[in-house]
N, C-alpha and C. Protein backbone atom coordinates (compact mmCIF):
# COMPACT_ATOMS: atom_id res chain seq x y z
N MET A 1 13.58 -25.47 10.68
CA MET A 1 13.17 -24.26 10.22
C MET A 1 14.40 -23.64 9.41
N ARG A 2 14.01 -23.09 8.12
CA ARG A 2 15.13 -22.54 7.38
C ARG A 2 15.46 -21.12 8.02
N GLY A 3 16.70 -20.75 7.54
CA GLY A 3 17.38 -19.58 8.15
C GLY A 3 16.46 -18.28 7.73
N ASP A 4 15.89 -18.35 6.46
CA ASP A 4 15.12 -17.07 6.15
C ASP A 4 13.86 -17.03 6.90
N GLU A 5 13.18 -18.18 7.42
CA GLU A 5 12.14 -18.00 8.29
C GLU A 5 12.44 -17.53 9.62
N THR A 6 13.57 -17.94 10.04
CA THR A 6 14.05 -17.50 11.42
C THR A 6 14.34 -15.93 11.36
N ALA A 7 14.95 -15.46 10.29
CA ALA A 7 15.13 -14.03 10.05
C ALA A 7 13.79 -13.34 10.10
N ARG A 8 12.88 -13.98 9.34
CA ARG A 8 11.52 -13.20 9.08
C ARG A 8 10.90 -13.15 10.65
N GLU A 9 10.91 -14.17 11.39
CA GLU A 9 10.39 -14.14 12.78
C GLU A 9 11.16 -13.12 13.56
N ASP A 10 12.26 -12.92 13.49
CA ASP A 10 13.19 -12.05 14.35
C ASP A 10 12.69 -10.59 13.85
N TRP A 11 12.41 -10.46 12.41
CA TRP A 11 12.17 -9.07 11.95
C TRP A 11 10.83 -8.80 12.54
N GLN A 12 9.88 -9.70 12.54
CA GLN A 12 8.52 -9.43 13.10
C GLN A 12 8.57 -9.01 14.55
N ALA A 13 9.50 -9.47 15.27
CA ALA A 13 9.59 -9.08 16.71
C ALA A 13 10.13 -7.74 16.97
N LEU A 14 10.77 -7.15 15.98
CA LEU A 14 11.31 -5.74 16.09
C LEU A 14 10.11 -4.79 16.03
N MET A 15 10.29 -3.86 16.84
CA MET A 15 9.23 -2.73 16.68
C MET A 15 9.99 -1.46 16.41
N LEU A 16 9.24 -0.57 15.61
CA LEU A 16 9.85 0.79 15.33
C LEU A 16 9.22 1.69 16.34
N TYR A 17 10.08 2.71 16.65
CA TYR A 17 9.64 3.80 17.51
C TYR A 17 10.08 5.12 16.97
N MET A 18 9.13 6.05 17.00
CA MET A 18 9.45 7.41 16.71
C MET A 18 9.89 8.15 18.07
N VAL A 19 10.91 8.53 18.29
CA VAL A 19 11.52 9.07 19.47
C VAL A 19 11.45 10.67 19.33
N ILE A 20 10.76 11.29 19.91
CA ILE A 20 10.53 12.77 19.87
C ILE A 20 11.39 13.30 20.98
N GLU A 21 12.51 14.01 20.63
CA GLU A 21 13.29 14.61 21.60
C GLU A 21 13.12 16.09 21.76
N ARG A 22 12.89 16.68 23.02
CA ARG A 22 12.87 18.05 23.11
C ARG A 22 13.99 18.47 24.02
N PHE A 23 14.98 19.36 23.18
CA PHE A 23 16.23 19.77 23.91
C PHE A 23 15.96 20.70 25.21
N GLU A 24 16.44 20.34 26.24
CA GLU A 24 16.26 21.20 27.54
C GLU A 24 16.74 22.53 27.30
N ASN A 25 16.21 23.54 27.67
CA ASN A 25 16.51 24.92 27.49
C ASN A 25 16.78 25.30 26.10
N ARG A 26 16.23 24.52 25.16
CA ARG A 26 16.50 24.73 23.68
C ARG A 26 17.77 24.75 23.42
N ASP A 27 18.48 23.79 24.10
CA ASP A 27 20.04 24.08 23.97
C ASP A 27 20.47 22.78 23.09
N ALA A 28 20.43 22.82 21.74
CA ALA A 28 20.84 21.82 21.02
C ALA A 28 22.40 21.62 20.92
N LYS A 29 23.17 22.75 21.19
CA LYS A 29 24.56 22.59 21.16
C LYS A 29 25.07 21.65 22.17
N ALA A 30 24.44 21.60 23.30
CA ALA A 30 24.87 20.79 24.35
C ALA A 30 24.74 19.21 24.04
N VAL A 31 23.68 18.92 23.45
CA VAL A 31 23.31 17.53 22.82
C VAL A 31 24.42 17.21 21.77
N TYR A 32 24.51 18.09 20.83
CA TYR A 32 25.53 17.74 19.72
C TYR A 32 27.00 17.55 20.27
N ARG A 33 27.21 18.34 21.34
CA ARG A 33 28.63 18.29 21.94
C ARG A 33 28.87 16.93 22.62
N ARG A 34 27.81 16.47 23.31
CA ARG A 34 27.89 15.22 23.91
C ARG A 34 28.02 14.09 22.80
N PHE A 35 27.22 14.24 21.94
CA PHE A 35 27.13 13.23 20.76
C PHE A 35 28.58 13.12 20.16
N ARG A 36 29.06 14.39 19.98
CA ARG A 36 30.53 14.29 19.34
C ARG A 36 31.57 13.63 20.17
N HIS A 37 31.39 13.72 21.43
CA HIS A 37 32.46 13.08 22.44
C HIS A 37 32.08 11.72 22.73
N LYS A 38 30.72 11.33 22.83
CA LYS A 38 30.58 10.15 23.37
C LYS A 38 29.83 9.21 22.41
N GLY A 39 29.28 9.79 21.27
CA GLY A 39 28.44 8.85 20.43
C GLY A 39 27.12 8.79 20.85
N ARG A 40 26.26 7.84 20.22
CA ARG A 40 24.83 7.67 20.55
C ARG A 40 24.61 7.18 21.98
N MET A 41 25.64 6.35 22.31
CA MET A 41 25.46 5.47 23.60
C MET A 41 24.22 4.67 23.65
N ALA A 42 23.85 4.00 22.60
CA ALA A 42 22.75 3.17 22.56
C ALA A 42 23.08 1.72 22.95
N PRO A 43 22.35 1.19 23.76
CA PRO A 43 22.84 -0.33 24.34
C PRO A 43 22.54 -1.32 23.04
N ASP A 44 23.23 -2.42 23.06
CA ASP A 44 23.23 -3.43 22.09
C ASP A 44 21.69 -3.91 21.86
N GLY A 45 21.18 -4.00 20.74
CA GLY A 45 19.84 -4.46 20.51
C GLY A 45 19.03 -3.19 20.11
N LEU A 46 19.47 -1.93 20.29
CA LEU A 46 18.71 -0.74 19.84
C LEU A 46 19.30 -0.23 18.58
N ALA A 47 18.61 -0.15 17.51
CA ALA A 47 19.12 0.26 16.15
C ALA A 47 18.65 1.58 16.02
N TYR A 48 19.48 2.48 15.51
CA TYR A 48 19.33 3.94 15.02
C TYR A 48 18.98 3.63 13.59
N ILE A 49 17.77 4.18 13.00
CA ILE A 49 17.41 3.98 11.60
C ILE A 49 17.60 5.33 11.04
N ASP A 50 17.15 6.48 11.43
CA ASP A 50 17.28 7.82 10.79
C ASP A 50 16.84 8.81 11.68
N SER A 51 17.09 10.03 11.45
CA SER A 51 16.65 11.12 12.29
C SER A 51 16.24 12.40 11.44
N TRP A 52 15.68 13.41 11.89
CA TRP A 52 15.32 14.72 11.44
C TRP A 52 15.19 15.66 12.53
N VAL A 53 15.66 16.93 12.33
CA VAL A 53 15.68 17.88 13.25
C VAL A 53 14.88 19.06 12.88
N GLU A 54 14.18 19.63 13.73
CA GLU A 54 13.47 20.87 13.35
C GLU A 54 14.37 21.91 12.92
N THR A 55 13.85 22.87 11.98
CA THR A 55 14.90 23.82 11.50
C THR A 55 15.18 24.71 12.52
N ASN A 56 14.47 25.02 13.52
CA ASN A 56 14.82 25.94 14.84
C ASN A 56 15.63 25.30 15.82
N PHE A 57 15.94 23.85 15.56
CA PHE A 57 16.84 22.92 16.55
C PHE A 57 15.98 22.79 17.89
N ASP A 58 14.58 23.03 18.01
CA ASP A 58 13.99 22.73 19.24
C ASP A 58 13.83 21.19 19.52
N ARG A 59 13.65 20.42 18.30
CA ARG A 59 13.27 18.97 18.65
C ARG A 59 13.98 18.16 17.50
N CYS A 60 14.09 17.03 17.85
CA CYS A 60 14.66 15.89 17.12
C CYS A 60 13.75 14.73 16.92
N PHE A 61 13.63 14.16 15.76
CA PHE A 61 12.63 12.89 15.69
C PHE A 61 13.54 11.86 15.10
N GLN A 62 13.62 10.97 15.94
CA GLN A 62 14.52 9.67 15.63
C GLN A 62 13.67 8.50 15.38
N LEU A 63 13.98 7.73 14.35
CA LEU A 63 13.29 6.48 14.21
C LEU A 63 14.35 5.43 14.61
N MET A 64 13.93 4.55 15.75
CA MET A 64 14.64 3.56 16.29
C MET A 64 14.07 2.20 16.24
N GLU A 65 14.72 1.23 16.36
CA GLU A 65 14.15 -0.20 16.15
C GLU A 65 14.70 -1.10 17.36
N CYS A 66 13.92 -1.79 17.90
CA CYS A 66 14.35 -2.83 18.91
C CYS A 66 13.16 -3.74 19.26
N ASP A 67 13.54 -4.82 20.00
CA ASP A 67 12.56 -5.82 20.30
C ASP A 67 12.04 -5.87 21.81
N ASP A 68 12.72 -4.74 22.52
CA ASP A 68 12.50 -4.58 23.90
C ASP A 68 12.52 -2.97 24.11
N ALA A 69 11.32 -2.54 24.63
CA ALA A 69 11.21 -1.05 24.82
C ALA A 69 12.07 -0.65 26.06
N ARG A 70 12.54 -1.57 26.80
CA ARG A 70 13.32 -1.17 27.98
C ARG A 70 14.75 -0.67 27.42
N LEU A 71 15.04 -1.07 26.38
CA LEU A 71 16.32 -0.52 25.72
C LEU A 71 16.31 0.96 25.47
N LEU A 72 14.97 1.48 25.00
CA LEU A 72 14.96 2.85 24.92
C LEU A 72 15.21 3.60 26.16
N GLU A 73 14.59 3.19 27.21
CA GLU A 73 14.71 3.80 28.53
C GLU A 73 16.25 3.79 29.07
N GLN A 74 16.93 2.63 28.67
CA GLN A 74 18.37 2.47 29.04
C GLN A 74 19.28 3.55 28.25
N TRP A 75 18.90 3.73 27.00
CA TRP A 75 19.52 4.63 26.17
C TRP A 75 19.23 6.07 26.60
N ALA A 76 17.97 6.35 26.94
CA ALA A 76 17.52 7.82 27.25
C ALA A 76 18.04 8.09 28.59
N ALA A 77 18.35 7.21 29.48
CA ALA A 77 19.03 7.62 30.77
C ALA A 77 20.36 8.24 30.47
N ASN A 78 21.03 8.03 29.40
CA ASN A 78 22.35 8.65 29.13
C ASN A 78 22.19 10.17 28.65
N TRP A 79 21.00 10.62 28.48
CA TRP A 79 20.73 11.91 27.73
C TRP A 79 19.57 12.60 28.55
N ARG A 80 19.00 12.17 29.52
CA ARG A 80 17.81 12.93 30.34
C ARG A 80 18.24 14.21 30.85
N ASP A 81 19.34 14.52 31.21
CA ASP A 81 19.78 15.76 31.78
C ASP A 81 19.72 16.85 30.61
N LEU A 82 19.62 16.33 29.27
CA LEU A 82 19.84 17.26 28.23
C LEU A 82 18.51 17.29 27.43
N VAL A 83 17.74 16.17 27.45
CA VAL A 83 16.72 15.92 26.54
C VAL A 83 15.52 15.33 27.32
N GLU A 84 14.28 15.94 26.91
CA GLU A 84 13.04 15.23 27.23
C GLU A 84 12.62 14.38 26.20
N PHE A 85 12.09 13.12 26.54
CA PHE A 85 11.81 12.07 25.47
C PHE A 85 10.35 11.65 25.53
N GLU A 86 9.99 11.43 24.28
CA GLU A 86 8.61 10.76 24.06
C GLU A 86 8.90 9.60 23.24
N PHE A 87 8.42 8.35 23.51
CA PHE A 87 8.63 7.22 22.60
C PHE A 87 7.20 6.80 22.04
N VAL A 88 7.13 6.84 20.81
CA VAL A 88 5.84 6.46 20.12
C VAL A 88 6.09 5.24 19.19
N PRO A 89 5.33 3.98 19.56
CA PRO A 89 5.49 3.00 18.65
C PRO A 89 4.78 3.30 17.39
N VAL A 90 5.52 3.02 16.14
CA VAL A 90 4.92 3.30 14.91
C VAL A 90 5.10 2.07 14.01
N ARG A 91 4.53 2.18 12.83
CA ARG A 91 4.64 1.06 11.91
C ARG A 91 4.77 1.70 10.49
N ARG A 92 5.35 1.09 9.59
CA ARG A 92 5.42 1.78 8.25
C ARG A 92 4.06 1.83 7.63
N SER A 93 3.84 2.73 6.65
CA SER A 93 2.51 3.00 6.19
C SER A 93 2.00 1.76 5.40
N LYS A 94 2.87 1.09 4.68
CA LYS A 94 2.54 -0.03 3.86
C LYS A 94 1.85 -1.10 4.85
N GLU A 95 2.47 -1.30 6.02
CA GLU A 95 2.02 -2.21 6.87
C GLU A 95 0.80 -1.78 7.47
N ALA A 96 0.47 -0.52 7.74
CA ALA A 96 -0.67 0.01 8.36
C ALA A 96 -1.86 -0.14 7.27
N ALA A 97 -1.61 0.11 6.16
CA ALA A 97 -2.61 -0.02 5.06
C ALA A 97 -3.18 -1.55 4.87
N GLU A 98 -2.09 -2.39 4.85
CA GLU A 98 -2.53 -3.94 4.89
C GLU A 98 -3.24 -4.26 6.05
N LEU A 99 -3.01 -3.81 7.30
CA LEU A 99 -3.74 -4.18 8.44
C LEU A 99 -5.13 -3.55 8.44
N ILE A 100 -5.24 -2.39 8.12
CA ILE A 100 -6.56 -1.68 8.08
C ILE A 100 -7.43 -2.11 7.09
N SER A 101 -6.85 -2.48 5.76
CA SER A 101 -7.59 -2.95 4.55
C SER A 101 -8.46 -4.26 5.07
N GLN A 102 -8.03 -5.00 6.14
CA GLN A 102 -8.65 -6.15 6.43
C GLN A 102 -10.03 -5.68 7.29
N GLU A 103 -10.11 -4.54 7.67
CA GLU A 103 -11.25 -3.95 8.41
C GLU A 103 -12.21 -3.20 7.53
N LEU A 104 -11.79 -2.95 6.34
CA LEU A 104 -12.66 -2.12 5.43
C LEU A 104 -13.75 -2.94 4.57
């Protein structure tokens, strides 16, 4: 098997997750303080893609990628005292359109 085929298979095994974080007691400062001192604290294999924060600092929406959802739980364990998590498996819009078009 060629290298680019292997890379494609690896890519297909990865899943995107929208991580919705709700800051405990609406205390974003505590989360940012820990992040400044300790970093993201994500295990190997869990990749941060991008994030957005509500303008009132109540929630953060992070796009993460991994091939094993247990990595999300490992990562979240470092933050659960400050953040409530929801993990939503997502796919890119282009991929969704391609999949659904087969059913139309």
